[in-house]
Amino acid sequence: MNETLNRLLVGMADTGCTKEEIKGAERLLETDNFEELTKYLRRCRAGLLDEMHESQKRVDRMDYLIRQAEKITRK
């Protein structure tokens, strides 16, 4: 496998992709199916975005709790 493709797999690990996701990409690379690889990477990206949105909801909830605690403290 050439260096560029190897860096792609390492980059997936750096973004937090699971071993299964990385192996899926590797299978597509081995068959030179770059169009499907791009689609696959976009699905992985969508999963990361979903995680980010869930994290943002938790942060927003924590901000709300902090504001509520500050109101109690000011009384």
N, C-alpha and C. Protein backbone atom coordinates (compact mmCIF):
# COMPACT_ATOMS: atom_id res chain seq x y z
N MET A 1 0.87 -1.18 0.00
CA MET A 1 0.00 0.00 0.00
C MET A 1 0.91 1.23 0.00
N ASN A 2 0.57 2.22 -0.82
CA ASN A 2 1.45 3.37 -0.90
C ASN A 2 1.29 4.27 0.33
N GLU A 3 2.24 5.16 0.48
CA GLU A 3 2.32 6.01 1.68
C GLU A 3 1.08 6.90 1.85
N THR A 4 0.55 7.43 0.77
CA THR A 4 -0.64 8.29 0.87
C THR A 4 -1.82 7.52 1.44
N LEU A 5 -2.02 6.33 0.97
CA LEU A 5 -3.14 5.52 1.46
C LEU A 5 -2.91 5.10 2.90
N ASN A 6 -1.68 4.80 3.25
CA ASN A 6 -1.36 4.46 4.63
C ASN A 6 -1.65 5.65 5.55
N ARG A 7 -1.31 6.85 5.10
CA ARG A 7 -1.60 8.05 5.91
C ARG A 7 -3.10 8.24 6.08
N LEU A 8 -3.86 7.87 5.07
CA LEU A 8 -5.31 7.97 5.17
C LEU A 8 -5.83 7.09 6.31
N LEU A 9 -5.33 5.87 6.39
CA LEU A 9 -5.76 4.96 7.45
C LEU A 9 -5.32 5.46 8.82
N VAL A 10 -4.11 5.98 8.91
CA VAL A 10 -3.62 6.54 10.17
C VAL A 10 -4.47 7.76 10.54
N GLY A 11 -4.82 8.56 9.55
CA GLY A 11 -5.66 9.73 9.80
C GLY A 11 -7.03 9.33 10.34
N MET A 12 -7.56 8.22 9.86
CA MET A 12 -8.84 7.75 10.38
C MET A 12 -8.71 7.40 11.86
N ALA A 13 -7.62 6.77 12.22
CA ALA A 13 -7.40 6.44 13.63
C ALA A 13 -7.29 7.72 14.45
N ASP A 14 -6.63 8.72 13.92
CA ASP A 14 -6.47 9.99 14.63
C ASP A 14 -7.80 10.69 14.87
N THR A 15 -8.78 10.45 13.99
CA THR A 15 -10.08 11.10 14.16
C THR A 15 -10.99 10.32 15.10
N GLY A 16 -10.51 9.17 15.56
CA GLY A 16 -11.31 8.39 16.48
C GLY A 16 -12.14 7.31 15.83
N CYS A 17 -11.90 7.01 14.57
CA CYS A 17 -12.62 5.93 13.91
C CYS A 17 -12.30 4.62 14.60
N THR A 18 -13.26 3.73 14.62
CA THR A 18 -13.07 2.42 15.23
C THR A 18 -12.18 1.56 14.35
N LYS A 19 -11.67 0.49 14.94
CA LYS A 19 -10.86 -0.46 14.17
C LYS A 19 -11.68 -1.05 13.02
N GLU A 20 -12.96 -1.29 13.28
CA GLU A 20 -13.83 -1.85 12.25
C GLU A 20 -13.99 -0.88 11.09
N GLU A 21 -14.15 0.40 11.40
CA GLU A 21 -14.27 1.41 10.34
C GLU A 21 -12.99 1.49 9.52
N ILE A 22 -11.87 1.44 10.20
CA ILE A 22 -10.58 1.50 9.50
C ILE A 22 -10.40 0.26 8.61
N LYS A 23 -10.78 -0.90 9.13
CA LYS A 23 -10.68 -2.13 8.32
C LYS A 23 -11.60 -2.05 7.10
N GLY A 24 -12.77 -1.46 7.28
CA GLY A 24 -13.69 -1.28 6.15
C GLY A 24 -13.06 -0.42 5.07
N ALA A 25 -12.42 0.65 5.48
CA ALA A 25 -11.74 1.52 4.51
C ALA A 25 -10.58 0.79 3.86
N GLU A 26 -9.86 0.03 4.65
CA GLU A 26 -8.72 -0.72 4.11
C GLU A 26 -9.17 -1.71 3.04
N ARG A 27 -10.31 -2.38 3.28
CA ARG A 27 -10.84 -3.32 2.26
C ARG A 27 -11.15 -2.59 0.95
N LEU A 28 -11.73 -1.41 1.08
CA LEU A 28 -12.04 -0.64 -0.13
C LEU A 28 -10.77 -0.18 -0.84
N LEU A 29 -9.75 0.17 -0.06
CA LEU A 29 -8.47 0.56 -0.65
C LEU A 29 -7.82 -0.60 -1.39
N GLU A 30 -7.91 -1.78 -0.79
CA GLU A 30 -7.29 -2.96 -1.41
C GLU A 30 -7.92 -3.31 -2.74
N THR A 31 -9.19 -2.96 -2.92
CA THR A 31 -9.88 -3.25 -4.18
C THR A 31 -9.89 -2.03 -5.11
N ASP A 32 -9.16 -0.98 -4.71
CA ASP A 32 -9.10 0.25 -5.52
C ASP A 32 -10.48 0.84 -5.79
N ASN A 33 -11.38 0.68 -4.84
CA ASN A 33 -12.74 1.18 -4.99
C ASN A 33 -12.83 2.56 -4.32
N PHE A 34 -12.23 3.55 -4.97
CA PHE A 34 -12.07 4.87 -4.36
C PHE A 34 -13.40 5.64 -4.28
N GLU A 35 -14.29 5.38 -5.21
CA GLU A 35 -15.60 6.04 -5.14
C GLU A 35 -16.36 5.59 -3.90
N GLU A 36 -16.37 4.27 -3.66
CA GLU A 36 -17.02 3.75 -2.46
C GLU A 36 -16.28 4.17 -1.20
N LEU A 37 -14.96 4.29 -1.29
CA LEU A 37 -14.17 4.75 -0.15
C LEU A 37 -14.60 6.16 0.26
N THR A 38 -14.78 7.02 -0.73
CA THR A 38 -15.22 8.38 -0.43
C THR A 38 -16.58 8.38 0.24
N LYS A 39 -17.50 7.57 -0.26
CA LYS A 39 -18.82 7.46 0.36
C LYS A 39 -18.70 6.93 1.79
N TYR A 40 -17.85 5.95 1.97
CA TYR A 40 -17.64 5.34 3.28
C TYR A 40 -17.09 6.38 4.26
N LEU A 41 -16.12 7.15 3.82
CA LEU A 41 -15.53 8.19 4.68
C LEU A 41 -16.57 9.25 5.02
N ARG A 42 -17.43 9.57 4.09
CA ARG A 42 -18.50 10.53 4.38
C ARG A 42 -19.46 9.99 5.44
N ARG A 43 -19.74 8.69 5.40
CA ARG A 43 -20.59 8.09 6.44
C ARG A 43 -19.90 8.14 7.80
N CYS A 44 -18.60 7.88 7.81
CA CYS A 44 -17.83 7.98 9.06
C CYS A 44 -17.87 9.41 9.59
N ARG A 45 -17.76 10.37 8.69
CA ARG A 45 -17.82 11.78 9.07
C ARG A 45 -19.18 12.11 9.67
N ALA A 46 -20.23 11.59 9.06
CA ALA A 46 -21.58 11.84 9.57
C ALA A 46 -21.72 11.30 10.99
N GLY A 47 -21.12 10.15 11.24
CA GLY A 47 -21.15 9.59 12.59
C GLY A 47 -20.44 10.49 13.58
N LEU A 48 -19.31 11.05 13.17
CA LEU A 48 -18.58 11.99 14.04
C LEU A 48 -19.42 13.23 14.31
N LEU A 49 -20.11 13.71 13.29
CA LEU A 49 -20.97 14.88 13.48
C LEU A 49 -22.10 14.58 14.45
N ASP A 50 -22.67 13.40 14.35
CA ASP A 50 -23.72 13.01 15.29
C ASP A 50 -23.19 13.02 16.72
N GLU A 51 -21.98 12.46 16.91
CA GLU A 51 -21.37 12.47 18.24
C GLU A 51 -21.14 13.90 18.72
N MET A 52 -20.69 14.77 17.83
CA MET A 52 -20.44 16.16 18.20
C MET A 52 -21.74 16.84 18.62
N HIS A 53 -22.80 16.59 17.89
CA HIS A 53 -24.08 17.21 18.23
C HIS A 53 -24.59 16.71 19.59
N GLU A 54 -24.41 15.43 19.86
CA GLU A 54 -24.80 14.89 21.16
C GLU A 54 -23.97 15.53 22.27
N SER A 55 -22.69 15.70 22.03
CA SER A 55 -21.83 16.35 23.02
C SER A 55 -22.27 17.79 23.24
N GLN A 56 -22.63 18.47 22.16
CA GLN A 56 -23.08 19.86 22.28
C GLN A 56 -24.36 19.94 23.11
N LYS A 57 -25.24 18.98 22.94
CA LYS A 57 -26.46 18.96 23.75
C LYS A 57 -26.12 18.82 25.23
N ARG A 58 -25.14 17.96 25.55
CA ARG A 58 -24.74 17.79 26.94
C ARG A 58 -24.11 19.06 27.49
N VAL A 59 -23.31 19.73 26.68
CA VAL A 59 -22.70 20.99 27.10
C VAL A 59 -23.78 22.04 27.34
N ASP A 60 -24.75 22.13 26.44
CA ASP A 60 -25.84 23.09 26.61
C ASP A 60 -26.61 22.81 27.90
N ARG A 61 -26.84 21.53 28.17
CA ARG A 61 -27.55 21.16 29.39
C ARG A 61 -26.73 21.55 30.62
N MET A 62 -25.42 21.33 30.56
CA MET A 62 -24.55 21.70 31.67
C MET A 62 -24.56 23.21 31.88
N ASP A 63 -24.55 23.97 30.79
CA ASP A 63 -24.64 25.44 30.89
C ASP A 63 -25.92 25.85 31.60
N TYR A 64 -27.02 25.18 31.25
CA TYR A 64 -28.30 25.46 31.90
C TYR A 64 -28.21 25.18 33.41
N LEU A 65 -27.62 24.04 33.77
CA LEU A 65 -27.48 23.69 35.18
C LEU A 65 -26.61 24.70 35.92
N ILE A 66 -25.57 25.17 35.28
CA ILE A 66 -24.70 26.19 35.89
C ILE A 66 -25.49 27.46 36.15
N ARG A 67 -26.27 27.89 35.15
CA ARG A 67 -27.09 29.10 35.34
C ARG A 67 -28.09 28.92 36.47
N GLN A 68 -28.68 27.74 36.56
CA GLN A 68 -29.62 27.48 37.64
C GLN A 68 -28.91 27.53 38.99
N ALA A 69 -27.74 26.95 39.07
CA ALA A 69 -26.96 26.98 40.32
C ALA A 69 -26.58 28.41 40.69
N GLU A 70 -26.23 29.22 39.69
CA GLU A 70 -25.87 30.61 39.97
C GLU A 70 -27.09 31.38 40.50
N LYS A 71 -28.26 31.08 39.98
CA LYS A 71 -29.49 31.74 40.48
C LYS A 71 -29.71 31.40 41.93
N ILE A 72 -29.51 30.14 42.31
CA ILE A 72 -29.68 29.70 43.68
C ILE A 72 -28.68 30.42 44.58
N THR A 73 -27.45 30.54 44.11
CA THR A 73 -26.38 31.16 44.88
C THR A 73 -26.66 32.63 45.12
N ARG A 74 -27.27 33.32 44.18
CA ARG A 74 -27.52 34.75 44.29
C ARG A 74 -28.67 35.08 45.25
N LYS A 75 -29.49 34.12 45.57
CA LYS A 75 -30.64 34.38 46.43
C LYS A 75 -30.24 34.63 47.84
